[in-house]
mmCIF file of all heavy atoms, coordinates in Angstrom:
data_MODEL
# 
_entry.id   MODEL 
# 
loop_
_atom_site.group_PDB 
_atom_site.id 
_atom_site.type_symbol 
_atom_site.label_atom_id 
_atom_site.label_alt_id 
_atom_site.label_comp_id 
_atom_site.label_asym_id 
_atom_site.label_entity_id 
_atom_site.label_seq_id 
_atom_site.pdbx_PDB_ins_code 
_atom_site.Cartn_x 
_atom_site.Cartn_y 
_atom_site.Cartn_z 
_atom_site.occupancy 
_atom_site.B_iso_or_equiv 
_atom_site.pdbx_formal_charge 
_atom_site.auth_seq_id 
_atom_site.auth_comp_id 
_atom_site.auth_asym_id 
_atom_site.auth_atom_id 
_atom_site.pdbx_PDB_model_num 
ATOM 1   N N   . GLY A 1 1  ? 8.924   -9.325  7.075   1.00 0.00 ? 1  GLY A N   1 
ATOM 2   C CA  . GLY A 1 1  ? 7.697   -8.564  7.212   1.00 0.00 ? 1  GLY A CA  1 
ATOM 3   C C   . GLY A 1 1  ? 7.837   -7.295  8.000   1.00 0.00 ? 1  GLY A C   1 
ATOM 4   O O   . GLY A 1 1  ? 6.848   -6.767  8.555   1.00 0.00 ? 1  GLY A O   1 
ATOM 5   N N   . LYS A 1 2  ? 9.044   -6.768  8.096   1.00 0.00 ? 2  LYS A N   1 
ATOM 6   C CA  . LYS A 1 2  ? 9.304   -5.582  8.938   1.00 0.00 ? 2  LYS A CA  1 
ATOM 7   C C   . LYS A 1 2  ? 9.669   -4.334  8.117   1.00 0.00 ? 2  LYS A C   1 
ATOM 8   O O   . LYS A 1 2  ? 10.037  -3.319  8.712   1.00 0.00 ? 2  LYS A O   1 
ATOM 9   C CB  . LYS A 1 2  ? 10.410  -5.890  9.932   1.00 0.00 ? 2  LYS A CB  1 
ATOM 10  C CG  . LYS A 1 2  ? 10.083  -7.035  10.873  1.00 0.00 ? 2  LYS A CG  1 
ATOM 11  C CD  . LYS A 1 2  ? 11.248  -7.357  11.803  1.00 0.00 ? 2  LYS A CD  1 
ATOM 12  C CE  . LYS A 1 2  ? 10.932  -8.518  12.721  1.00 0.00 ? 2  LYS A CE  1 
ATOM 13  N NZ  . LYS A 1 2  ? 12.074  -8.876  13.592  1.00 0.00 ? 2  LYS A NZ  1 
ATOM 14  N N   . LEU A 1 3  ? 9.582   -4.419  6.799   1.00 0.00 ? 3  LEU A N   1 
ATOM 15  C CA  . LEU A 1 3  ? 10.030  -3.289  5.985   1.00 0.00 ? 3  LEU A CA  1 
ATOM 16  C C   . LEU A 1 3  ? 8.931   -2.259  5.774   1.00 0.00 ? 3  LEU A C   1 
ATOM 17  O O   . LEU A 1 3  ? 9.236   -1.055  5.800   1.00 0.00 ? 3  LEU A O   1 
ATOM 18  C CB  . LEU A 1 3  ? 10.518  -3.817  4.618   1.00 0.00 ? 3  LEU A CB  1 
ATOM 19  C CG  . LEU A 1 3  ? 11.025  -2.736  3.641   1.00 0.00 ? 3  LEU A CG  1 
ATOM 20  C CD1 . LEU A 1 3  ? 12.214  -1.992  4.204   1.00 0.00 ? 3  LEU A CD1 1 
ATOM 21  C CD2 . LEU A 1 3  ? 11.358  -3.364  2.299   1.00 0.00 ? 3  LEU A CD2 1 
ATOM 22  N N   . ASP A 1 4  ? 7.696   -2.692  5.583   1.00 0.00 ? 4  ASP A N   1 
ATOM 23  C CA  . ASP A 1 4  ? 6.648   -1.721  5.213   1.00 0.00 ? 4  ASP A CA  1 
ATOM 24  C C   . ASP A 1 4  ? 6.488   -0.578  6.183   1.00 0.00 ? 4  ASP A C   1 
ATOM 25  O O   . ASP A 1 4  ? 6.275   0.562   5.789   1.00 0.00 ? 4  ASP A O   1 
ATOM 26  C CB  . ASP A 1 4  ? 5.306   -2.468  5.057   1.00 0.00 ? 4  ASP A CB  1 
ATOM 27  C CG  . ASP A 1 4  ? 5.278   -3.334  3.807   1.00 0.00 ? 4  ASP A CG  1 
ATOM 28  O OD1 . ASP A 1 4  ? 6.159   -3.162  2.940   1.00 0.00 ? 4  ASP A OD1 1 
ATOM 29  O OD2 . ASP A 1 4  ? 4.379   -4.188  3.689   1.00 0.00 ? 4  ASP A OD2 1 
ATOM 30  N N   . LYS A 1 5  ? 6.629   -0.866  7.466   1.00 0.00 ? 5  LYS A N   1 
ATOM 31  C CA  . LYS A 1 5  ? 6.450   0.187   8.465   1.00 0.00 ? 5  LYS A CA  1 
ATOM 32  C C   . LYS A 1 5  ? 7.628   1.157   8.527   1.00 0.00 ? 5  LYS A C   1 
ATOM 33  O O   . LYS A 1 5  ? 7.531   2.189   9.196   1.00 0.00 ? 5  LYS A O   1 
ATOM 34  C CB  . LYS A 1 5  ? 6.215   -0.435  9.831   1.00 0.00 ? 5  LYS A CB  1 
ATOM 35  C CG  . LYS A 1 5  ? 7.323   -1.275  10.364  1.00 0.00 ? 5  LYS A CG  1 
ATOM 36  C CD  . LYS A 1 5  ? 6.957   -1.886  11.709  1.00 0.00 ? 5  LYS A CD  1 
ATOM 37  C CE  . LYS A 1 5  ? 8.092   -2.740  12.272  1.00 0.00 ? 5  LYS A CE  1 
ATOM 38  N NZ  . LYS A 1 5  ? 7.681   -3.407  13.541  1.00 0.00 ? 5  LYS A NZ  1 
ATOM 39  N N   . LEU A 1 6  ? 8.717   0.822   7.853   1.00 0.00 ? 6  LEU A N   1 
ATOM 40  C CA  . LEU A 1 6  ? 9.893   1.689   7.832   1.00 0.00 ? 6  LEU A CA  1 
ATOM 41  C C   . LEU A 1 6  ? 9.842   2.704   6.694   1.00 0.00 ? 6  LEU A C   1 
ATOM 42  O O   . LEU A 1 6  ? 10.624  3.680   6.700   1.00 0.00 ? 6  LEU A O   1 
ATOM 43  C CB  . LEU A 1 6  ? 11.182  0.882   7.733   1.00 0.00 ? 6  LEU A CB  1 
ATOM 44  C CG  . LEU A 1 6  ? 11.485  -0.081  8.885   1.00 0.00 ? 6  LEU A CG  1 
ATOM 45  C CD1 . LEU A 1 6  ? 12.834  -0.765  8.619   1.00 0.00 ? 6  LEU A CD1 1 
ATOM 46  C CD2 . LEU A 1 6  ? 11.514  0.664   10.200  1.00 0.00 ? 6  LEU A CD2 1 
ATOM 47  N N   . TRP A 1 7  ? 8.964   2.495   5.709   1.00 0.00 ? 7  TRP A N   1 
ATOM 48  C CA  . TRP A 1 7  ? 8.894   3.459   4.615   1.00 0.00 ? 7  TRP A CA  1 
ATOM 49  C C   . TRP A 1 7  ? 8.456   4.820   5.157   1.00 0.00 ? 7  TRP A C   1 
ATOM 50  O O   . TRP A 1 7  ? 7.518   4.914   5.966   1.00 0.00 ? 7  TRP A O   1 
ATOM 51  C CB  . TRP A 1 7  ? 7.917   3.019   3.538   1.00 0.00 ? 7  TRP A CB  1 
ATOM 52  C CG  . TRP A 1 7  ? 8.281   1.746   2.824   1.00 0.00 ? 7  TRP A CG  1 
ATOM 53  C CD1 . TRP A 1 7  ? 7.537   0.604   2.807   1.00 0.00 ? 7  TRP A CD1 1 
ATOM 54  C CD2 . TRP A 1 7  ? 9.425   1.503   1.999   1.00 0.00 ? 7  TRP A CD2 1 
ATOM 55  N NE1 . TRP A 1 7  ? 8.166   -0.364  2.062   1.00 0.00 ? 7  TRP A NE1 1 
ATOM 56  C CE2 . TRP A 1 7  ? 9.326   0.167   1.526   1.00 0.00 ? 7  TRP A CE2 1 
ATOM 57  C CE3 . TRP A 1 7  ? 10.526  2.266   1.628   1.00 0.00 ? 7  TRP A CE3 1 
ATOM 58  C CZ2 . TRP A 1 7  ? 10.293  -0.410  0.704   1.00 0.00 ? 7  TRP A CZ2 1 
ATOM 59  C CZ3 . TRP A 1 7  ? 11.495  1.694   0.812   1.00 0.00 ? 7  TRP A CZ3 1 
ATOM 60  C CH2 . TRP A 1 7  ? 11.379  0.392   0.359   1.00 0.00 ? 7  TRP A CH2 1 
ATOM 61  N N   . PRO A 1 8  ? 9.085   5.895   4.749   1.00 0.00 ? 8  PRO A N   1 
ATOM 62  C CA  . PRO A 1 8  ? 8.691   7.233   5.193   1.00 0.00 ? 8  PRO A CA  1 
ATOM 63  C C   . PRO A 1 8  ? 7.239   7.543   4.772   1.00 0.00 ? 8  PRO A C   1 
ATOM 64  O O   . PRO A 1 8  ? 6.715   6.964   3.818   1.00 0.00 ? 8  PRO A O   1 
ATOM 65  C CB  . PRO A 1 8  ? 9.672   8.171   4.472   1.00 0.00 ? 8  PRO A CB  1 
ATOM 66  C CG  . PRO A 1 8  ? 10.866  7.313   4.195   1.00 0.00 ? 8  PRO A CG  1 
ATOM 67  C CD  . PRO A 1 8  ? 10.317  5.946   3.929   1.00 0.00 ? 8  PRO A CD  1 
ATOM 68  N N   . ALA A 1 9  ? 6.591   8.439   5.494   1.00 0.00 ? 9  ALA A N   1 
ATOM 69  C CA  . ALA A 1 9  ? 5.192   8.746   5.265   1.00 0.00 ? 9  ALA A CA  1 
ATOM 70  C C   . ALA A 1 9  ? 4.892   9.111   3.800   1.00 0.00 ? 9  ALA A C   1 
ATOM 71  O O   . ALA A 1 9  ? 3.869   8.688   3.255   1.00 0.00 ? 9  ALA A O   1 
ATOM 72  C CB  . ALA A 1 9  ? 4.746   9.862   6.201   1.00 0.00 ? 9  ALA A CB  1 
ATOM 73  N N   . PRO A 1 10 ? 5.723   9.915   3.128   1.00 0.00 ? 10 PRO A N   1 
ATOM 74  C CA  . PRO A 1 10 ? 5.414   10.264  1.731   1.00 0.00 ? 10 PRO A CA  1 
ATOM 75  C C   . PRO A 1 10 ? 5.305   9.030   0.827   1.00 0.00 ? 10 PRO A C   1 
ATOM 76  O O   . PRO A 1 10 ? 4.465   8.976   -0.068  1.00 0.00 ? 10 PRO A O   1 
ATOM 77  C CB  . PRO A 1 10 ? 6.564   11.174  1.322   1.00 0.00 ? 10 PRO A CB  1 
ATOM 78  C CG  . PRO A 1 10 ? 7.071   11.744  2.592   1.00 0.00 ? 10 PRO A CG  1 
ATOM 79  C CD  . PRO A 1 10 ? 6.889   10.676  3.626   1.00 0.00 ? 10 PRO A CD  1 
ATOM 80  N N   . LEU A 1 11 ? 6.209   8.027   1.068   1.00 0.00 ? 11 LEU A N   1 
ATOM 81  C CA  . LEU A 1 11 ? 6.159   6.803   0.235   1.00 0.00 ? 11 LEU A CA  1 
ATOM 82  C C   . LEU A 1 11 ? 4.916   5.990   0.565   1.00 0.00 ? 11 LEU A C   1 
ATOM 83  O O   . LEU A 1 11 ? 4.270   5.436   -0.318  1.00 0.00 ? 11 LEU A O   1 
ATOM 84  C CB  . LEU A 1 11 ? 7.412   5.960   0.487   1.00 0.00 ? 11 LEU A CB  1 
ATOM 85  C CG  . LEU A 1 11 ? 8.698   6.443   -0.164  1.00 0.00 ? 11 LEU A CG  1 
ATOM 86  C CD1 . LEU A 1 11 ? 9.854   5.513   0.189   1.00 0.00 ? 11 LEU A CD1 1 
ATOM 87  C CD2 . LEU A 1 11 ? 8.544   6.502   -1.675  1.00 0.00 ? 11 LEU A CD2 1 
ATOM 88  N N   . GLN A 1 12 ? 4.560   5.915   1.839   1.00 0.00 ? 12 GLN A N   1 
ATOM 89  C CA  . GLN A 1 12 ? 3.336   5.181   2.211   1.00 0.00 ? 12 GLN A CA  1 
ATOM 90  C C   . GLN A 1 12 ? 2.123   5.836   1.618   1.00 0.00 ? 12 GLN A C   1 
ATOM 91  O O   . GLN A 1 12 ? 1.182   5.185   1.176   1.00 0.00 ? 12 GLN A O   1 
ATOM 92  C CB  . GLN A 1 12 ? 3.250   5.104   3.736   1.00 0.00 ? 12 GLN A CB  1 
ATOM 93  C CG  . GLN A 1 12 ? 4.349   4.284   4.380   1.00 0.00 ? 12 GLN A CG  1 
ATOM 94  C CD  . GLN A 1 12 ? 4.084   3.957   5.839   1.00 0.00 ? 12 GLN A CD  1 
ATOM 95  O OE1 . GLN A 1 12 ? 2.934   3.832   6.251   1.00 0.00 ? 12 GLN A OE1 1 
ATOM 96  N NE2 . GLN A 1 12 ? 5.135   3.832   6.616   1.00 0.00 ? 12 GLN A NE2 1 
ATOM 97  N N   . ALA A 1 13 ? 2.119   7.180   1.579   1.00 0.00 ? 13 ALA A N   1 
ATOM 98  C CA  . ALA A 1 13 ? 0.980   7.898   0.997   1.00 0.00 ? 13 ALA A CA  1 
ATOM 99  C C   . ALA A 1 13 ? 0.898   7.642   -0.502  1.00 0.00 ? 13 ALA A C   1 
ATOM 100 O O   . ALA A 1 13 ? -0.195  7.443   -1.063  1.00 0.00 ? 13 ALA A O   1 
ATOM 101 C CB  . ALA A 1 13 ? 1.137   9.393   1.284   1.00 0.00 ? 13 ALA A CB  1 
ATOM 102 N N   . ALA A 1 14 ? 2.060   7.598   -1.171  1.00 0.00 ? 14 ALA A N   1 
ATOM 103 C CA  . ALA A 1 14 ? 2.052   7.320   -2.610  1.00 0.00 ? 14 ALA A CA  1 
ATOM 104 C C   . ALA A 1 14 ? 1.573   5.924   -2.914  1.00 0.00 ? 14 ALA A C   1 
ATOM 105 O O   . ALA A 1 14 ? 0.843   5.718   -3.877  1.00 0.00 ? 14 ALA A O   1 
ATOM 106 C CB  . ALA A 1 14 ? 3.469   7.526   -3.187  1.00 0.00 ? 14 ALA A CB  1 
ATOM 107 N N   . ALA A 1 15 ? 1.927   4.983   -2.042  1.00 0.00 ? 15 ALA A N   1 
ATOM 108 C CA  . ALA A 1 15 ? 1.487   3.589   -2.220  1.00 0.00 ? 15 ALA A CA  1 
ATOM 109 C C   . ALA A 1 15 ? -0.011  3.468   -1.973  1.00 0.00 ? 15 ALA A C   1 
ATOM 110 O O   . ALA A 1 15 ? -0.726  2.786   -2.725  1.00 0.00 ? 15 ALA A O   1 
ATOM 111 C CB  . ALA A 1 15 ? 2.277   2.672   -1.316  1.00 0.00 ? 15 ALA A CB  1 
ATOM 112 N N   . ALA A 1 16 ? -0.505  4.154   -0.918  1.00 0.00 ? 16 ALA A N   1 
ATOM 113 C CA  . ALA A 1 16 ? -1.904  4.076   -0.595  1.00 0.00 ? 16 ALA A CA  1 
ATOM 114 C C   . ALA A 1 16 ? -2.791  4.757   -1.648  1.00 0.00 ? 16 ALA A C   1 
ATOM 115 O O   . ALA A 1 16 ? -3.935  4.376   -1.870  1.00 0.00 ? 16 ALA A O   1 
ATOM 116 C CB  . ALA A 1 16 ? -2.148  4.682   0.792   1.00 0.00 ? 16 ALA A CB  1 
ATOM 117 N N   . ARG A 1 17 ? -2.218  5.784   -2.305  1.00 0.00 ? 17 ARG A N   1 
ATOM 118 C CA  . ARG A 1 17 ? -3.000  6.549   -3.289  1.00 0.00 ? 17 ARG A CA  1 
ATOM 119 C C   . ARG A 1 17 ? -3.508  5.680   -4.406  1.00 0.00 ? 17 ARG A C   1 
ATOM 120 O O   . ARG A 1 17 ? -4.627  5.814   -4.901  1.00 0.00 ? 17 ARG A O   1 
ATOM 121 C CB  . ARG A 1 17 ? -2.083  7.659   -3.866  1.00 0.00 ? 17 ARG A CB  1 
ATOM 122 C CG  . ARG A 1 17 ? -2.678  8.451   -4.996  1.00 0.00 ? 17 ARG A CG  1 
ATOM 123 C CD  . ARG A 1 17 ? -1.599  9.303   -5.638  1.00 0.00 ? 17 ARG A CD  1 
ATOM 124 N NE  . ARG A 1 17 ? -0.584  8.447   -6.269  1.00 0.00 ? 17 ARG A NE  1 
ATOM 125 C CZ  . ARG A 1 17 ? 0.647   8.839   -6.480  1.00 0.00 ? 17 ARG A CZ  1 
ATOM 126 N NH1 . ARG A 1 17 ? 1.066   10.046  -6.131  1.00 0.00 ? 17 ARG A NH1 1 
ATOM 127 N NH2 . ARG A 1 17 ? 1.522   8.015   -7.072  1.00 0.00 ? 17 ARG A NH2 1 
ATOM 128 N N   . ASP A 1 18 ? -2.667  4.727   -4.839  1.00 0.00 ? 18 ASP A N   1 
ATOM 129 C CA  . ASP A 1 18 ? -3.029  3.898   -5.983  1.00 0.00 ? 18 ASP A CA  1 
ATOM 130 C C   . ASP A 1 18 ? -3.534  2.510   -5.628  1.00 0.00 ? 18 ASP A C   1 
ATOM 131 O O   . ASP A 1 18 ? -3.920  1.758   -6.525  1.00 0.00 ? 18 ASP A O   1 
ATOM 132 C CB  . ASP A 1 18 ? -1.803  3.753   -6.925  1.00 0.00 ? 18 ASP A CB  1 
ATOM 133 C CG  . ASP A 1 18 ? -1.424  5.105   -7.513  1.00 0.00 ? 18 ASP A CG  1 
ATOM 134 O OD1 . ASP A 1 18 ? -2.316  5.858   -7.830  1.00 0.00 ? 18 ASP A OD1 1 
ATOM 135 O OD2 . ASP A 1 18 ? -0.183  5.346   -7.604  1.00 0.00 ? 18 ASP A OD2 1 
ATOM 136 N N   . ASP A 1 19 ? -3.466  2.172   -4.328  1.00 0.00 ? 19 ASP A N   1 
ATOM 137 C CA  . ASP A 1 19 ? -3.944  0.859   -3.950  1.00 0.00 ? 19 ASP A CA  1 
ATOM 138 C C   . ASP A 1 19 ? -5.449  0.751   -4.167  1.00 0.00 ? 19 ASP A C   1 
ATOM 139 O O   . ASP A 1 19 ? -6.220  1.632   -3.849  1.00 0.00 ? 19 ASP A O   1 
ATOM 140 C CB  . ASP A 1 19 ? -3.674  0.619   -2.438  1.00 0.00 ? 19 ASP A CB  1 
ATOM 141 C CG  . ASP A 1 19 ? -2.686  -0.528  -2.237  1.00 0.00 ? 19 ASP A CG  1 
ATOM 142 O OD1 . ASP A 1 19 ? -2.327  -1.160  -3.243  1.00 0.00 ? 19 ASP A OD1 1 
ATOM 143 O OD2 . ASP A 1 19 ? -2.309  -0.778  -1.075  1.00 0.00 ? 19 ASP A OD2 1 
ATOM 144 N N   . GLN A 1 20 ? -5.882  -0.341  -4.757  1.00 0.00 ? 20 GLN A N   1 
ATOM 145 C CA  . GLN A 1 20 ? -7.295  -0.560  -4.980  1.00 0.00 ? 20 GLN A CA  1 
ATOM 146 C C   . GLN A 1 20 ? -7.608  -2.006  -4.703  1.00 0.00 ? 20 GLN A C   1 
ATOM 147 O O   . GLN A 1 20 ? -6.813  -2.888  -5.018  1.00 0.00 ? 20 GLN A O   1 
ATOM 148 C CB  . GLN A 1 20 ? -7.719  -0.175  -6.394  1.00 0.00 ? 20 GLN A CB  1 
ATOM 149 C CG  . GLN A 1 20 ? -6.834  -0.736  -7.471  1.00 0.00 ? 20 GLN A CG  1 
ATOM 150 C CD  . GLN A 1 20 ? -7.193  -0.208  -8.835  1.00 0.00 ? 20 GLN A CD  1 
ATOM 151 O OE1 . GLN A 1 20 ? -8.291  -0.466  -9.298  1.00 0.00 ? 20 GLN A OE1 1 
ATOM 152 N NE2 . GLN A 1 20 ? -6.306  0.525   -9.465  1.00 0.00 ? 20 GLN A NE2 1 
ATOM 153 N N   . PRO A 1 21 ? -8.742  -2.292  -4.102  1.00 0.00 ? 21 PRO A N   1 
ATOM 154 C CA  . PRO A 1 21 ? -9.085  -3.676  -3.744  1.00 0.00 ? 21 PRO A CA  1 
ATOM 155 C C   . PRO A 1 21 ? -9.329  -4.498  -5.001  1.00 0.00 ? 21 PRO A C   1 
ATOM 156 O O   . PRO A 1 21 ? -9.863  -3.997  -5.968  1.00 0.00 ? 21 PRO A O   1 
ATOM 157 C CB  . PRO A 1 21 ? -10.354 -3.530  -2.903  1.00 0.00 ? 21 PRO A CB  1 
ATOM 158 C CG  . PRO A 1 21 ? -10.951 -2.248  -3.358  1.00 0.00 ? 21 PRO A CG  1 
ATOM 159 C CD  . PRO A 1 21 ? -9.809  -1.352  -3.713  1.00 0.00 ? 21 PRO A CD  1 
ATOM 160 N N   . PRO A 1 22 ? -8.917  -5.758  -4.964  1.00 0.00 ? 22 PRO A N   1 
ATOM 161 C CA  . PRO A 1 22 ? -9.159  -6.618  -6.108  1.00 0.00 ? 22 PRO A CA  1 
ATOM 162 C C   . PRO A 1 22 ? -10.631 -6.939  -6.237  1.00 0.00 ? 22 PRO A C   1 
ATOM 163 O O   . PRO A 1 22 ? -11.373 -6.865  -5.246  1.00 0.00 ? 22 PRO A O   1 
ATOM 164 C CB  . PRO A 1 22 ? -8.341  -7.874  -5.775  1.00 0.00 ? 22 PRO A CB  1 
ATOM 165 C CG  . PRO A 1 22 ? -8.255  -7.872  -4.294  1.00 0.00 ? 22 PRO A CG  1 
ATOM 166 C CD  . PRO A 1 22 ? -8.221  -6.432  -3.877  1.00 0.00 ? 22 PRO A CD  1 
ATOM 167 N N   . PRO A 1 23 ? -11.104 -7.312  -7.411  1.00 0.00 ? 23 PRO A N   1 
ATOM 168 C CA  . PRO A 1 23 ? -12.475 -7.699  -7.559  1.00 0.00 ? 23 PRO A CA  1 
ATOM 169 C C   . PRO A 1 23 ? -12.750 -9.013  -6.851  1.00 0.00 ? 23 PRO A C   1 
ATOM 170 O O   . PRO A 1 23 ? -11.856 -9.739  -6.509  1.00 0.00 ? 23 PRO A O   1 
ATOM 171 C CB  . PRO A 1 23 ? -12.627 -7.870  -9.100  1.00 0.00 ? 23 PRO A CB  1 
ATOM 172 C CG  . PRO A 1 23 ? -11.251 -8.180  -9.575  1.00 0.00 ? 23 PRO A CG  1 
ATOM 173 C CD  . PRO A 1 23 ? -10.346 -7.392  -8.654  1.00 0.00 ? 23 PRO A CD  1 
ATOM 174 N N   . GLN A 1 24 ? -14.039 -9.266  -6.636  1.00 0.00 ? 24 GLN A N   1 
ATOM 175 C CA  . GLN A 1 24 ? -14.420 -10.515 -5.988  1.00 0.00 ? 24 GLN A CA  1 
ATOM 176 C C   . GLN A 1 24 ? -14.000 -11.685 -6.862  1.00 0.00 ? 24 GLN A C   1 
ATOM 177 O O   . GLN A 1 24 ? -14.157 -11.644 -8.077  1.00 0.00 ? 24 GLN A O   1 
ATOM 178 C CB  . GLN A 1 24 ? -15.918 -10.573 -5.721  1.00 0.00 ? 24 GLN A CB  1 
ATOM 179 C CG  . GLN A 1 24 ? -16.379 -9.532  -4.719  1.00 0.00 ? 24 GLN A CG  1 
ATOM 180 C CD  . GLN A 1 24 ? -15.774 -9.795  -3.346  1.00 0.00 ? 24 GLN A CD  1 
ATOM 181 O OE1 . GLN A 1 24 ? -15.720 -10.926 -2.890  1.00 0.00 ? 24 GLN A OE1 1 
ATOM 182 N NE2 . GLN A 1 24 ? -15.243 -8.739  -2.715  1.00 0.00 ? 24 GLN A NE2 1 
ATOM 183 N N   . PRO A 1 25 ? -13.445 -12.741 -6.250  1.00 0.00 ? 25 PRO A N   1 
ATOM 184 C CA  . PRO A 1 25 ? -13.010 -13.889 -7.060  1.00 0.00 ? 25 PRO A CA  1 
ATOM 185 C C   . PRO A 1 25 ? -14.163 -14.530 -7.810  1.00 0.00 ? 25 PRO A C   1 
ATOM 186 O O   . PRO A 1 25 ? -15.282 -14.612 -7.290  1.00 0.00 ? 25 PRO A O   1 
ATOM 187 C CB  . PRO A 1 25 ? -12.384 -14.836 -6.048  1.00 0.00 ? 25 PRO A CB  1 
ATOM 188 C CG  . PRO A 1 25 ? -12.990 -14.449 -4.724  1.00 0.00 ? 25 PRO A CG  1 
ATOM 189 C CD  . PRO A 1 25 ? -13.254 -12.960 -4.825  1.00 0.00 ? 25 PRO A CD  1 
ATOM 190 N N   . THR A 1 26 ? -13.890 -14.945 -9.020  1.00 0.00 ? 26 THR A N   1 
ATOM 191 C CA  . THR A 1 26 ? -14.907 -15.638 -9.805  1.00 0.00 ? 26 THR A CA  1 
ATOM 192 C C   . THR A 1 26 ? -14.554 -17.103 -9.920  1.00 0.00 ? 26 THR A C   1 
ATOM 193 O O   . THR A 1 26 ? -13.416 -17.513 -9.748  1.00 0.00 ? 26 THR A O   1 
ATOM 194 C CB  . THR A 1 26 ? -14.985 -15.011 -11.226 1.00 0.00 ? 26 THR A CB  1 
ATOM 195 O OG1 . THR A 1 26 ? -13.707 -15.075 -11.826 1.00 0.00 ? 26 THR A OG1 1 
ATOM 196 C CG2 . THR A 1 26 ? -15.409 -13.531 -11.135 1.00 0.00 ? 26 THR A CG2 1 
# 
């Protein structure tokens, strides 16, 4: 669980750009 914080800022920004919350569970 220590890799995510090592990604450079541009990669984190690219990942955050497309992240979207899942719908409420049915």
